[in-house]
Amino acid sequence: MLKATVYVTIKQNVLDPQGSAVQGALHSMGFAEVGKVRIGKYMELELDTSDAAEAEARVKAMCEKLLANTVIEDYRFELSSK
C-alpha cells in the first residue's frame, strides 16, 4: 500500500483573492510582517498498490482530471510507503 500526498496551489500569475483576504486579516491583527499569502489544498490518498510507477501514473491522472484545475492551478505529489 502506498500513500500519495498531493499539494495543489494557484499558479503564480493567477490572482488569489482568498490569499489577499487572509493577508489583510493578518495585517489587521498585528502581523504586519506577513507578505504575500497564497492559499492551496492538501490531500492524502491511500493507494491499494505497491507499484510506484503505476501509482505515479494514476495519481497524475487523478490530478489532471479532478483534483486540480490545471488552467489556474499547479500540483505536485509525493509517494511514500504506508
N, C-alpha and C. Protein backbone atom coordinates (compact mmCIF):
# COMPACT_ATOMS: atom_id res chain seq x y z
N MET A 1 0.86 -1.18 0.00
CA MET A 1 0.00 0.00 0.00
C MET A 1 0.90 1.24 0.00
N LEU A 2 0.53 2.22 -0.81
CA LEU A 2 1.27 3.48 -0.90
C LEU A 2 0.38 4.63 -0.47
N LYS A 3 1.02 5.69 -0.05
CA LYS A 3 0.31 6.92 0.31
C LYS A 3 0.77 8.01 -0.64
N ALA A 4 -0.18 8.74 -1.21
CA ALA A 4 0.14 9.89 -2.06
C ALA A 4 -0.26 11.15 -1.31
N THR A 5 0.66 12.07 -1.22
CA THR A 5 0.40 13.38 -0.65
C THR A 5 0.37 14.37 -1.79
N VAL A 6 -0.76 15.03 -2.00
CA VAL A 6 -0.96 15.91 -3.15
C VAL A 6 -1.10 17.36 -2.65
N TYR A 7 -0.36 18.24 -3.29
CA TYR A 7 -0.41 19.67 -2.99
C TYR A 7 -0.88 20.40 -4.25
N VAL A 8 -1.95 21.19 -4.11
CA VAL A 8 -2.49 21.95 -5.23
C VAL A 8 -2.43 23.43 -4.85
N THR A 9 -1.82 24.24 -5.72
CA THR A 9 -1.69 25.67 -5.45
C THR A 9 -2.10 26.46 -6.68
N ILE A 10 -2.56 27.68 -6.45
CA ILE A 10 -2.91 28.56 -7.55
C ILE A 10 -1.62 29.00 -8.25
N LYS A 11 -1.66 29.03 -9.57
CA LYS A 11 -0.47 29.43 -10.33
C LYS A 11 -0.06 30.85 -9.95
N GLN A 12 1.23 31.12 -10.02
CA GLN A 12 1.77 32.40 -9.59
C GLN A 12 1.17 33.59 -10.35
N ASN A 13 0.82 33.41 -11.62
CA ASN A 13 0.29 34.54 -12.40
C ASN A 13 -1.23 34.70 -12.28
N VAL A 14 -1.86 33.92 -11.39
CA VAL A 14 -3.31 33.98 -11.20
C VAL A 14 -3.61 34.69 -9.88
N LEU A 15 -4.54 35.63 -9.92
CA LEU A 15 -4.94 36.37 -8.73
C LEU A 15 -5.52 35.41 -7.68
N ASP A 16 -5.12 35.58 -6.42
CA ASP A 16 -5.60 34.74 -5.33
C ASP A 16 -6.35 35.61 -4.32
N PRO A 17 -7.66 35.86 -4.54
CA PRO A 17 -8.41 36.75 -3.65
C PRO A 17 -8.50 36.21 -2.23
N GLN A 18 -8.56 34.91 -2.06
CA GLN A 18 -8.62 34.34 -0.72
C GLN A 18 -7.30 34.59 0.02
N GLY A 19 -6.18 34.45 -0.67
CA GLY A 19 -4.88 34.75 -0.07
C GLY A 19 -4.77 36.21 0.31
N SER A 20 -5.28 37.10 -0.54
CA SER A 20 -5.26 38.54 -0.25
C SER A 20 -6.10 38.86 0.98
N ALA A 21 -7.26 38.20 1.11
CA ALA A 21 -8.13 38.41 2.27
C ALA A 21 -7.44 37.95 3.55
N VAL A 22 -6.77 36.81 3.50
CA VAL A 22 -6.06 36.31 4.67
C VAL A 22 -4.91 37.25 5.04
N GLN A 23 -4.20 37.74 4.04
CA GLN A 23 -3.11 38.68 4.28
C GLN A 23 -3.64 39.94 4.97
N GLY A 24 -4.73 40.49 4.46
CA GLY A 24 -5.33 41.68 5.06
C GLY A 24 -5.78 41.44 6.50
N ALA A 25 -6.37 40.27 6.75
CA ALA A 25 -6.81 39.94 8.10
C ALA A 25 -5.62 39.81 9.05
N LEU A 26 -4.56 39.17 8.59
CA LEU A 26 -3.36 39.04 9.43
C LEU A 26 -2.76 40.41 9.75
N HIS A 27 -2.73 41.30 8.75
CA HIS A 27 -2.21 42.65 8.98
C HIS A 27 -3.06 43.38 10.02
N SER A 28 -4.40 43.24 9.91
CA SER A 28 -5.28 43.93 10.85
C SER A 28 -5.17 43.35 12.26
N MET A 29 -4.65 42.14 12.38
CA MET A 29 -4.46 41.51 13.69
C MET A 29 -3.07 41.79 14.26
N GLY A 30 -2.29 42.60 13.55
CA GLY A 30 -0.97 42.98 14.07
C GLY A 30 0.18 42.18 13.51
N PHE A 31 -0.05 41.34 12.51
CA PHE A 31 1.01 40.55 11.91
C PHE A 31 1.50 41.23 10.62
N ALA A 32 2.06 42.42 10.78
CA ALA A 32 2.46 43.24 9.64
C ALA A 32 3.61 42.64 8.83
N GLU A 33 4.34 41.69 9.42
CA GLU A 33 5.48 41.09 8.72
C GLU A 33 5.08 40.11 7.63
N VAL A 34 3.79 39.77 7.56
CA VAL A 34 3.33 38.80 6.57
C VAL A 34 3.26 39.47 5.20
N GLY A 35 3.95 38.90 4.24
CA GLY A 35 3.91 39.39 2.87
C GLY A 35 2.79 38.70 2.11
N LYS A 36 3.06 38.33 0.90
CA LYS A 36 2.07 37.69 0.04
C LYS A 36 1.61 36.35 0.63
N VAL A 37 0.32 36.09 0.58
CA VAL A 37 -0.26 34.83 1.05
C VAL A 37 -0.91 34.14 -0.14
N ARG A 38 -0.61 32.87 -0.31
CA ARG A 38 -1.23 32.05 -1.35
C ARG A 38 -1.92 30.88 -0.67
N ILE A 39 -3.15 30.60 -1.06
CA ILE A 39 -3.94 29.53 -0.47
C ILE A 39 -3.91 28.32 -1.40
N GLY A 40 -3.82 27.13 -0.82
CA GLY A 40 -3.80 25.92 -1.62
C GLY A 40 -4.59 24.80 -0.95
N LYS A 41 -4.47 23.60 -1.51
CA LYS A 41 -5.16 22.42 -0.99
C LYS A 41 -4.12 21.34 -0.71
N TYR A 42 -4.39 20.53 0.30
CA TYR A 42 -3.53 19.42 0.69
C TYR A 42 -4.41 18.19 0.78
N MET A 43 -3.99 17.09 0.15
CA MET A 43 -4.78 15.86 0.17
C MET A 43 -3.87 14.67 0.43
N GLU A 44 -4.37 13.68 1.16
CA GLU A 44 -3.69 12.42 1.36
C GLU A 44 -4.56 11.32 0.77
N LEU A 45 -3.97 10.50 -0.07
CA LEU A 45 -4.70 9.40 -0.71
C LEU A 45 -4.00 8.09 -0.37
N GLU A 46 -4.76 7.10 0.07
CA GLU A 46 -4.21 5.76 0.28
C GLU A 46 -4.46 4.97 -1.00
N LEU A 47 -3.40 4.39 -1.53
CA LEU A 47 -3.50 3.66 -2.79
C LEU A 47 -3.24 2.18 -2.54
N ASP A 48 -4.13 1.35 -3.03
CA ASP A 48 -4.03 -0.10 -2.83
C ASP A 48 -3.14 -0.71 -3.91
N THR A 49 -1.88 -0.33 -3.89
CA THR A 49 -0.89 -0.87 -4.81
C THR A 49 0.49 -0.70 -4.19
N SER A 50 1.41 -1.51 -4.62
CA SER A 50 2.80 -1.34 -4.17
C SER A 50 3.69 -0.98 -5.36
N ASP A 51 3.10 -0.84 -6.53
CA ASP A 51 3.83 -0.49 -7.74
C ASP A 51 3.93 1.03 -7.86
N ALA A 52 5.11 1.57 -7.56
CA ALA A 52 5.28 3.02 -7.53
C ALA A 52 5.05 3.67 -8.89
N ALA A 53 5.48 3.03 -9.96
CA ALA A 53 5.30 3.60 -11.30
C ALA A 53 3.82 3.68 -11.65
N GLU A 54 3.09 2.63 -11.34
CA GLU A 54 1.64 2.63 -11.60
C GLU A 54 0.95 3.69 -10.74
N ALA A 55 1.33 3.77 -9.46
CA ALA A 55 0.74 4.75 -8.57
C ALA A 55 1.01 6.17 -9.06
N GLU A 56 2.22 6.44 -9.51
CA GLU A 56 2.56 7.77 -10.01
C GLU A 56 1.69 8.14 -11.21
N ALA A 57 1.53 7.21 -12.13
CA ALA A 57 0.70 7.47 -13.31
C ALA A 57 -0.76 7.70 -12.93
N ARG A 58 -1.26 6.92 -11.98
CA ARG A 58 -2.66 7.04 -11.57
C ARG A 58 -2.91 8.35 -10.82
N VAL A 59 -1.99 8.72 -9.93
CA VAL A 59 -2.17 9.98 -9.19
C VAL A 59 -2.09 11.17 -10.14
N LYS A 60 -1.18 11.10 -11.10
CA LYS A 60 -1.09 12.17 -12.10
C LYS A 60 -2.42 12.30 -12.84
N ALA A 61 -3.01 11.18 -13.24
CA ALA A 61 -4.30 11.20 -13.93
C ALA A 61 -5.40 11.78 -13.04
N MET A 62 -5.39 11.42 -11.75
CA MET A 62 -6.38 11.95 -10.81
C MET A 62 -6.26 13.47 -10.71
N CYS A 63 -5.03 13.94 -10.63
CA CYS A 63 -4.81 15.39 -10.53
C CYS A 63 -5.28 16.11 -11.79
N GLU A 64 -4.93 15.55 -12.94
CA GLU A 64 -5.29 16.18 -14.22
C GLU A 64 -6.80 16.18 -14.45
N LYS A 65 -7.50 15.14 -13.98
CA LYS A 65 -8.92 15.00 -14.27
C LYS A 65 -9.84 15.60 -13.20
N LEU A 66 -9.39 15.65 -11.94
CA LEU A 66 -10.30 16.06 -10.88
C LEU A 66 -9.68 16.93 -9.79
N LEU A 67 -8.55 16.53 -9.27
CA LEU A 67 -8.02 17.16 -8.06
C LEU A 67 -7.49 18.58 -8.27
N ALA A 68 -7.05 18.90 -9.48
CA ALA A 68 -6.53 20.23 -9.78
C ALA A 68 -7.17 20.76 -11.05
N ASN A 69 -7.46 22.04 -11.04
CA ASN A 69 -7.90 22.73 -12.26
C ASN A 69 -6.63 23.25 -12.92
N THR A 70 -6.12 22.50 -13.88
CA THR A 70 -4.79 22.79 -14.43
C THR A 70 -4.72 24.10 -15.23
N VAL A 71 -5.86 24.72 -15.47
CA VAL A 71 -5.85 26.03 -16.13
C VAL A 71 -5.32 27.09 -15.17
N ILE A 72 -5.72 26.99 -13.90
CA ILE A 72 -5.32 28.02 -12.92
C ILE A 72 -4.51 27.47 -11.75
N GLU A 73 -4.35 26.16 -11.67
CA GLU A 73 -3.65 25.57 -10.53
C GLU A 73 -2.47 24.70 -10.97
N ASP A 74 -1.45 24.66 -10.13
CA ASP A 74 -0.34 23.74 -10.27
C ASP A 74 -0.53 22.65 -9.22
N TYR A 75 0.07 21.50 -9.47
CA TYR A 75 0.03 20.44 -8.46
C TYR A 75 1.37 19.73 -8.43
N ARG A 76 1.62 19.13 -7.28
CA ARG A 76 2.76 18.22 -7.14
C ARG A 76 2.35 17.16 -6.14
N PHE A 77 3.01 16.03 -6.17
CA PHE A 77 2.67 14.98 -5.22
C PHE A 77 3.91 14.19 -4.86
N GLU A 78 3.80 13.52 -3.72
CA GLU A 78 4.85 12.67 -3.21
C GLU A 78 4.25 11.31 -2.91
N LEU A 79 4.98 10.25 -3.18
CA LEU A 79 4.55 8.90 -2.84
C LEU A 79 5.42 8.38 -1.71
N SER A 80 4.80 7.66 -0.79
CA SER A 80 5.55 7.03 0.29
C SER A 80 4.88 5.73 0.68
N SER A 81 5.63 4.85 1.33
CA SER A 81 5.07 3.60 1.81
C SER A 81 4.18 3.87 3.01
N LYS A 82 3.10 3.18 3.08
CA LYS A 82 2.15 3.37 4.19
C LYS A 82 2.56 2.51 5.34
